[in-house]
C-alpha atoms as a PDB file:
ATOM      1  CA  MET A   1      -0.115  -0.101   0.307  1.00  0.00           C
ATOM      2  CA  PHE A   2       1.321   3.483  -0.787  1.00  0.00           C
ATOM      3  CA  ASN A   3       0.853   6.170   1.445  1.00  0.00           C
ATOM      4  CA  GLN A   4      -0.309   9.648   0.620  1.00  0.00           C
ATOM      5  CA  VAL A   5       3.443  11.424   0.374  1.00  0.00           C
ATOM      6  CA  GLN A   6       4.211   8.311  -1.845  1.00  0.00           C
ATOM      7  CA  LEU A   7       0.994   8.799  -4.136  1.00  0.00           C
ATOM      8  CA  ASP A   8       1.724  12.626  -4.248  1.00  0.00           C
ATOM      9  CA  TYR A   9       5.195  11.950  -5.524  1.00  0.00           C
ATOM     10  CA  LEU A  10       3.391   9.378  -8.194  1.00  0.00           C
ATOM     11  CA  TYR A  11       0.975  11.666  -9.586  1.00  0.00           C
ATOM     12  CA  LEU A  12       3.376  14.724  -9.902  1.00  0.00           C
ATOM     13  CA  THR A  13       5.929  12.633 -11.423  1.00  0.00           C
ATOM     14  CA  ALA A  14       3.366  11.164 -14.002  1.00  0.00           C
ATOM     15  CA  ILE A  15       2.014  14.814 -14.802  1.00  0.00           C
ATOM     16  CA  GLY A  16       5.934  15.493 -15.239  1.00  0.00           C
ATOM     17  CA  ALA A  17       6.350  12.897 -17.712  1.00  0.00           C
ATOM     18  CA  LEU A  18       3.121  14.068 -19.665  1.00  0.00           C
ATOM     19  CA  VAL A  19       3.906  17.480 -19.898  1.00  0.00           C
ATOM     20  CA  SER A  20       8.043  17.332 -20.410  1.00  0.00           C
ATOM     21  CA  PRO A  21       7.738  16.953 -24.076  1.00  0.00           C
ATOM     22  CA  TRP A  22       6.056  20.171 -24.292  1.00  0.00           C
ATOM     23  CA  ILE A  23       8.853  21.980 -22.998  1.00  0.00           C
ATOM     24  CA  LYS A  24      11.830  19.907 -24.447  1.00  0.00           C
ATOM     25  CA  ASP A  25      14.602  21.936 -25.781  1.00  0.00           C
ATOM     26  CA  LYS A  26      12.566  25.208 -24.909  1.00  0.00           C
ATOM     27  CA  PRO A  27      14.307  26.816 -22.238  1.00  0.00           C
ATOM     28  CA  ASP A  28      12.615  30.087 -22.335  1.00  0.00           C
ATOM     29  CA  VAL A  29       9.084  28.542 -21.728  1.00  0.00           C
ATOM     30  CA  LYS A  30       7.397  30.454 -18.653  1.00  0.00           C
ATOM     31  CA  LEU A  31       3.996  28.694 -18.386  1.00  0.00           C
ATOM     32  CA  ILE A  32       2.667  25.467 -19.572  1.00  0.00           C
ATOM     33  CA  GLY A  33      -1.315  25.559 -20.064  1.00  0.00           C
ATOM     34  CA  GLU A  34      -3.850  22.359 -20.428  1.00  0.00           C
ATOM     35  CA  LYS A  35      -7.062  22.727 -21.500  1.00  0.00           C
ATOM     36  CA  THR A  36      -9.134  19.771 -20.770  1.00  0.00           C
ATOM     37  CA  PRO A  37     -12.820  20.815 -19.522  1.00  0.00           C
ATOM     38  CA  GLU A  38     -13.005  18.251 -16.956  1.00  0.00           C
ATOM     39  CA  HIS A  39     -10.296  19.719 -14.750  1.00  0.00           C
ATOM     40  CA  ALA A  40     -12.776  22.155 -13.475  1.00  0.00           C
ATOM     41  CA  MET A  41     -14.103  19.223 -11.616  1.00  0.00           C
ATOM     42  CA  THR A  42     -10.775  18.223 -10.091  1.00  0.00           C
ATOM     43  CA  LEU A  43      -9.518  21.901  -9.143  1.00  0.00           C
ATOM     44  CA  PRO A  44      -9.143  21.270  -5.524  1.00  0.00           C
ATOM     45  CA  VAL A  45      -6.809  18.242  -6.065  1.00  0.00           C
ATOM     46  CA  LEU A  46      -5.047  20.258  -8.790  1.00  0.00           C
ATOM     47  CA  ASN A  47      -4.702  23.390  -6.430  1.00  0.00           C
ATOM     48  CA  LYS A  48      -3.015  21.080  -4.160  1.00  0.00           C
ATOM     49  CA  TYR A  49      -0.258  19.897  -6.422  1.00  0.00           C
ATOM     50  CA  PHE A  50       0.172  22.902  -8.273  1.00  0.00           C
ATOM     51  CA  PRO A  51      -0.775  25.793  -5.508  1.00  0.00           C
ATOM     52  CA  ASN A  52       0.410  28.722  -7.892  1.00  0.00           C
ATOM     53  CA  CYS A  53      -1.386  27.375 -10.795  1.00  0.00           C
ATOM     54  CA  LYS A  54      -3.842  29.888 -12.530  1.00  0.00           C
ATOM     55  CA  VAL A  55      -7.341  28.863 -13.862  1.00  0.00           C
ATOM     56  CA  VAL A  56      -9.005  30.444 -17.114  1.00  0.00           C
ATOM     57  CA  GLN A  57     -12.651  29.513 -17.702  1.00  0.00           C
ATOM     58  CA  ILE A  58     -13.970  30.274 -20.962  1.00  0.00           C
ATOM     59  CA  ILE A  59     -17.898  30.106 -20.716  1.00  0.00           C
ATOM     60  CA  ARG A  60     -19.986  29.792 -23.743  1.00  0.00           C
ATOM     61  CA  ASP A  61     -23.852  30.278 -24.281  1.00  0.00           C
ATOM     62  CA  GLY A  62     -24.978  26.449 -22.913  1.00  0.00           C
ATOM     63  CA  ARG A  63     -27.058  26.327 -26.220  1.00  0.00           C
ATOM     64  CA  ASP A  64     -24.386  26.642 -28.829  1.00  0.00           C
ATOM     65  CA  VAL A  65     -22.696  24.245 -26.675  1.00  0.00           C
ATOM     66  CA  ALA A  66     -25.284  21.593 -26.749  1.00  0.00           C
ATOM     67  CA  VAL A  67     -25.405  22.040 -30.742  1.00  0.00           C
ATOM     68  CA  SER A  68     -21.663  21.953 -30.945  1.00  0.00           C
ATOM     69  CA  GLY A  69     -21.640  18.934 -28.502  1.00  0.00           C
ATOM     70  CA  TRP A  70     -24.386  17.123 -30.346  1.00  0.00           C
ATOM     71  CA  PHE A  71     -22.585  17.234 -33.840  1.00  0.00           C
ATOM     72  CA  HIS A  72     -19.370  16.530 -32.429  1.00  0.00           C
ATOM     73  CA  ASN A  73     -20.655  13.026 -30.366  1.00  0.00           C
ATOM     74  CA  ILE A  74     -22.555  12.268 -33.960  1.00  0.00           C
ATOM     75  CA  ARG A  75     -19.535  12.429 -35.771  1.00  0.00           C
ATOM     76  CA  PHE A  76     -17.330  10.674 -33.181  1.00  0.00           C
ATOM     77  CA  SER A  77     -19.622   7.712 -32.318  1.00  0.00           C
ATOM     78  CA  GLY A  78     -22.864   8.447 -34.040  1.00  0.00           C
ATOM     79  CA  ASP A  79     -24.926   5.271 -33.759  1.00  0.00           C
ATOM     80  CA  LYS A  80     -23.664   4.651 -30.119  1.00  0.00           C
ATOM     81  CA  PHE A  81     -24.376   7.848 -28.927  1.00  0.00           C
ATOM     82  CA  LYS A  82     -27.796   7.963 -30.765  1.00  0.00           C
ATOM     83  CA  GLN A  83     -28.718   5.019 -28.527  1.00  0.00           C
ATOM     84  CA  ASN A  84     -27.988   7.018 -25.469  1.00  0.00           C
ATOM     85  CA  PHE A  85     -29.499  10.184 -26.632  1.00  0.00           C
ATOM     86  CA  PRO A  86     -32.127   9.588 -29.496  1.00  0.00           C
ATOM     87  CA  ASP A  87     -32.907  13.358 -29.644  1.00  0.00           C
ATOM     88  CA  MET A  88     -31.341  16.744 -28.930  1.00  0.00           C
ATOM     89  CA  PRO A  89     -33.385  17.488 -25.962  1.00  0.00           C
ATOM     90  CA  THR A  90     -32.457  14.354 -24.097  1.00  0.00           C
ATOM     91  CA  TYR A  91     -28.905  15.296 -24.731  1.00  0.00           C
ATOM     92  CA  ILE A  92     -29.368  18.686 -23.620  1.00  0.00           C
ATOM     93  CA  ARG A  93     -30.714  17.677 -20.261  1.00  0.00           C
ATOM     94  CA  TYR A  94     -27.761  15.215 -20.088  1.00  0.00           C
ATOM     95  CA  LEU A  95     -25.190  18.238 -20.746  1.00  0.00           C
ATOM     96  CA  ILE A  96     -26.565  20.793 -18.778  1.00  0.00           C
ATOM     97  CA  GLN A  97     -27.006  18.241 -15.402  1.00  0.00           C
ATOM     98  CA  HIS A  98     -23.311  16.881 -15.943  1.00  0.00           C
ATOM     99  CA  HIS A  99     -21.205  19.102 -17.584  1.00  0.00           C
ATOM    100  CA  TRP A 100     -22.230  22.662 -18.739  1.00  0.00           C
ATOM    101  CA  LEU A 101     -23.640  23.849 -14.690  1.00  0.00           C
ATOM    102  CA  PRO A 102     -21.225  21.751 -12.760  1.00  0.00           C
ATOM    103  CA  TYR A 103     -18.025  23.022 -14.488  1.00  0.00           C
ATOM    104  CA  ILE A 104     -19.058  26.600 -14.697  1.00  0.00           C
ATOM    105  CA  ASN A 105     -20.176  26.432 -10.759  1.00  0.00           C
ATOM    106  CA  GLN A 106     -16.832  24.373 -10.032  1.00  0.00           C
ATOM    107  CA  ALA A 107     -14.529  26.887 -11.343  1.00  0.00           C
ATOM    108  CA  ARG A 108     -16.355  29.945 -10.161  1.00  0.00           C
ATOM    109  CA  ALA A 109     -15.934  28.329  -6.938  1.00  0.00           C
ATOM    110  CA  PHE A 110     -12.476  28.314  -7.141  1.00  0.00           C
ATOM    111  CA  GLY A 111     -12.663  31.953  -8.573  1.00  0.00           C
ATOM    112  CA  LYS A 112     -14.047  32.943  -5.317  1.00  0.00           C
ATOM    113  CA  GLN A 113     -11.387  31.392  -3.180  1.00  0.00           C
ATOM    114  CA  PHE A 114      -8.548  32.509  -5.270  1.00  0.00           C
ATOM    115  CA  PRO A 115      -9.706  35.508  -7.091  1.00  0.00           C
ATOM    116  CA  ASP A 116      -6.146  36.738  -8.040  1.00  0.00           C
ATOM    117  CA  ARG A 117      -5.661  33.378  -9.920  1.00  0.00           C
ATOM    118  CA  TYR A 118      -8.844  33.067 -11.748  1.00  0.00           C
ATOM    119  CA  PHE A 119      -9.840  34.967 -15.010  1.00  0.00           C
ATOM    120  CA  GLU A 120     -13.222  34.359 -16.681  1.00  0.00           C
ATOM    121  CA  LEU A 121     -14.005  35.222 -20.269  1.00  0.00           C
ATOM    122  CA  LYS A 122     -16.955  34.702 -22.578  1.00  0.00           C
ATOM    123  CA  TYR A 123     -16.600  32.588 -25.885  1.00  0.00           C
ATOM    124  CA  GLU A 124     -18.859  35.174 -27.647  1.00  0.00           C
ATOM    125  CA  ASP A 125     -16.617  38.026 -26.453  1.00  0.00           C
ATOM    126  CA  LEU A 126     -13.532  36.544 -27.945  1.00  0.00           C
ATOM    127  CA  HIS A 127     -15.418  36.594 -31.299  1.00  0.00           C
ATOM    128  CA  ALA A 128     -16.500  39.965 -30.935  1.00  0.00           C
ATOM    129  CA  ASP A 129     -12.864  41.574 -29.703  1.00  0.00           C
ATOM    130  CA  ALA A 130     -10.634  38.829 -29.570  1.00  0.00           C
ATOM    131  CA  PRO A 131      -7.471  41.209 -29.580  1.00  0.00           C
ATOM    132  CA  ASP A 132      -8.602  43.047 -26.117  1.00  0.00           C
ATOM    133  CA  VAL A 133      -9.758  39.958 -24.634  1.00  0.00           C
ATOM    134  CA  THR A 134      -6.348  37.913 -25.231  1.00  0.00           C
ATOM    135  CA  THR A 135      -4.387  40.926 -24.081  1.00  0.00           C
ATOM    136  CA  ARG A 136      -6.064  40.953 -21.277  1.00  0.00           C
ATOM    137  CA  LEU A 137      -5.824  37.301 -20.681  1.00  0.00           C
ATOM    138  CA  PHE A 138      -2.237  37.536 -21.465  1.00  0.00           C
ATOM    139  CA  GLN A 139      -1.673  40.355 -18.690  1.00  0.00           C
ATOM    140  CA  PHE A 140      -3.640  37.951 -16.175  1.00  0.00           C
ATOM    141  CA  LEU A 141      -0.846  35.352 -17.198  1.00  0.00           C
ATOM    142  CA  GLY A 142       1.998  37.667 -16.676  1.00  0.00           C
ATOM    143  CA  VAL A 143       3.524  36.917 -20.601  1.00  0.00           C
ATOM    144  CA  ASP A 144       3.884  39.141 -23.027  1.00  0.00           C
ATOM    145  CA  ALA A 145       0.849  40.871 -23.942  1.00  0.00           C
ATOM    146  CA  ASN A 146       2.178  43.228 -27.033  1.00  0.00           C
ATOM    147  CA  GLU A 147       0.410  43.532 -30.098  1.00  0.00           C
ATOM    148  CA  THR A 148       2.630  41.645 -32.203  1.00  0.00           C
ATOM    149  CA  ALA A 149       2.203  38.455 -29.646  1.00  0.00           C
ATOM    150  CA  VAL A 150      -1.225  38.750 -29.166  1.00  0.00           C
ATOM    151  CA  GLN A 151      -1.839  38.812 -33.347  1.00  0.00           C
ATOM    152  CA  GLN A 152       0.457  36.041 -33.535  1.00  0.00           C
ATOM    153  CA  CYS A 153      -1.387  34.175 -31.416  1.00  0.00           C
ATOM    154  CA  LEU A 154      -5.039  34.844 -32.623  1.00  0.00           C
ATOM    155  CA  GLU A 155      -3.749  34.124 -36.204  1.00  0.00           C
ATOM    156  CA  ALA A 156      -2.370  30.667 -35.169  1.00  0.00           C
ATOM    157  CA  ALA A 157      -5.655  29.866 -33.243  1.00  0.00           C
ATOM    158  CA  SER A 158      -7.996  31.682 -35.828  1.00  0.00           C
ATOM    159  CA  PHE A 159     -10.868  29.274 -37.324  1.00  0.00           C
ATOM    160  CA  LYS A 160      -9.533  29.910 -40.993  1.00  0.00           C
ATOM    161  CA  ASN A 161      -6.137  28.359 -39.905  1.00  0.00           C
ATOM    162  CA  LEU A 162      -7.665  25.374 -37.948  1.00  0.00           C
ATOM    163  CA  ALA A 163     -10.215  24.948 -40.437  1.00  0.00           C
ATOM    164  CA  LYS A 164      -7.494  24.701 -43.306  1.00  0.00           C
ATOM    165  CA  GLY A 165      -8.826  27.825 -44.883  1.00  0.00           C
ATOM    166  CA  ARG A 166     -12.768  27.399 -44.255  1.00  0.00           C
ATOM    167  CA  LYS A 167     -14.090  30.854 -42.985  1.00  0.00           C
ATOM    168  CA  GLY A 168     -16.131  30.987 -39.848  1.00  0.00           C
ATOM    169  CA  GLY A 169     -20.067  29.914 -40.912  1.00  0.00           C
ATOM    170  CA  GLU A 170     -18.848  27.464 -43.654  1.00  0.00           C
ATOM    171  CA  GLU A 171     -19.951  23.991 -41.990  1.00  0.00           C
ATOM    172  CA  ASP A 172     -18.083  20.550 -42.073  1.00  0.00           C
ATOM    173  CA  ARG A 173     -19.813  18.513 -39.916  1.00  0.00           C
ATOM    174  CA  GLY A 174     -17.108  16.124 -40.353  1.00  0.00           C
ATOM    175  CA  SER A 175     -14.733  18.219 -39.071  1.00  0.00           C
ATOM    176  CA  PHE A 176     -13.999  18.726 -35.553  1.00  0.00           C
ATOM    177  CA  PHE A 177     -13.942  22.603 -36.377  1.00  0.00           C
ATOM    178  CA  ARG A 178     -17.366  22.350 -37.666  1.00  0.00           C
ATOM    179  CA  LYS A 179     -18.534  26.040 -38.026  1.00  0.00           C
ATOM    180  CA  GLY A 180     -16.882  28.290 -35.860  1.00  0.00           C
ATOM    181  CA  VAL A 181     -19.900  30.985 -35.132  1.00  0.00           C
ATOM    182  CA  THR A 182     -22.234  32.080 -32.302  1.00  0.00           C
ATOM    183  CA  GLY A 183     -25.744  31.921 -31.981  1.00  0.00           C
ATOM    184  CA  ASP A 184     -26.020  28.481 -33.893  1.00  0.00           C
ATOM    185  CA  TRP A 185     -28.470  27.261 -31.466  1.00  0.00           C
ATOM    186  CA  LYS A 186     -31.120  29.158 -33.047  1.00  0.00           C
ATOM    187  CA  ASN A 187     -30.878  27.076 -36.346  1.00  0.00           C
ATOM    188  CA  HIS A 188     -31.100  23.770 -34.511  1.00  0.00           C
ATOM    189  CA  PHE A 189     -33.356  24.331 -31.246  1.00  0.00           C
ATOM    190  CA  ASP A 190     -36.802  23.320 -31.673  1.00  0.00           C
ATOM    191  CA  GLU A 191     -39.487  24.235 -28.830  1.00  0.00           C
ATOM    192  CA  LYS A 192     -38.895  21.312 -26.849  1.00  0.00           C
ATOM    193  CA  SER A 193     -34.866  21.808 -26.847  1.00  0.00           C
ATOM    194  CA  GLU A 194     -35.426  25.215 -25.861  1.00  0.00           C
ATOM    195  CA  ALA A 195     -38.014  24.402 -23.227  1.00  0.00           C
ATOM    196  CA  VAL A 196     -35.837  21.392 -21.635  1.00  0.00           C
ATOM    197  CA  PHE A 197     -32.494  23.944 -21.590  1.00  0.00           C
ATOM    198  CA  MET A 198     -34.625  26.999 -20.180  1.00  0.00           C
ATOM    199  CA  GLU A 199     -35.909  24.516 -17.367  1.00  0.00           C
ATOM    200  CA  LEU A 200     -32.508  23.500 -16.256  1.00  0.00           C
ATOM    201  CA  GLY A 201     -29.899  26.155 -17.469  1.00  0.00           C
ATOM    202  CA  GLY A 202     -32.406  29.200 -17.681  1.00  0.00           C
ATOM    203  CA  ALA A 203     -31.063  30.562 -14.448  1.00  0.00           C
ATOM    204  CA  MET A 204     -27.468  30.321 -15.441  1.00  0.00           C
ATOM    205  CA  LEU A 205     -28.280  31.932 -18.662  1.00  0.00           C
ATOM    206  CA  ARG A 206     -29.952  34.893 -17.002  1.00  0.00           C
ATOM    207  CA  GLU A 207     -27.005  35.334 -14.646  1.00  0.00           C
ATOM    208  CA  LEU A 208     -24.393  35.153 -17.490  1.00  0.00           C
ATOM    209  CA  GLY A 209     -26.572  37.650 -19.480  1.00  0.00           C
ATOM    210  CA  TYR A 210     -27.259  35.546 -22.517  1.00  0.00           C
ATOM    211  CA  VAL A 211     -30.943  36.197 -21.904  1.00  0.00           C
END
């Protein structure tokens, strides 16, 4: 049986082994970022091992999250996914209860406890004014936030670049980068989908200013 000290050592060693290739031969690296959404649910543990870590939460209109997740799961595991979620309202109910709301609430709880290490932004704000949001994010992280650095990052992470030349709004349901727009839920929600979402997630939508 491992004791807690030994388990802590194993965890940190494993994490170090996973991230070390990212910084190999790059002595000037100041920060390492990891973007697994599920980490929102394990922030107390991560904070234990990385007490100086900073948390960035990107919040997106949950209705767009539902549409994006719906098409992603159909692309990834169509028949199996449809067996569990035969229609969008069924998937919406699961998504809100097990992902969208818990992730937002857990990350915000961390932010209340450690406000100087938490940065919250909206996906829609990135679309509306990416340079401003990115500059503020870089300043929070303590990295170079000059105009050239920000522009280089925005170009590298642009939808057009990631989607191999497609512009936002040009849909490819076979791609991980399907459409790259905001408000697409209006094209896919029926009355039942909207009713289910508002029943479970309406309060949070209002709190976030989406309705």
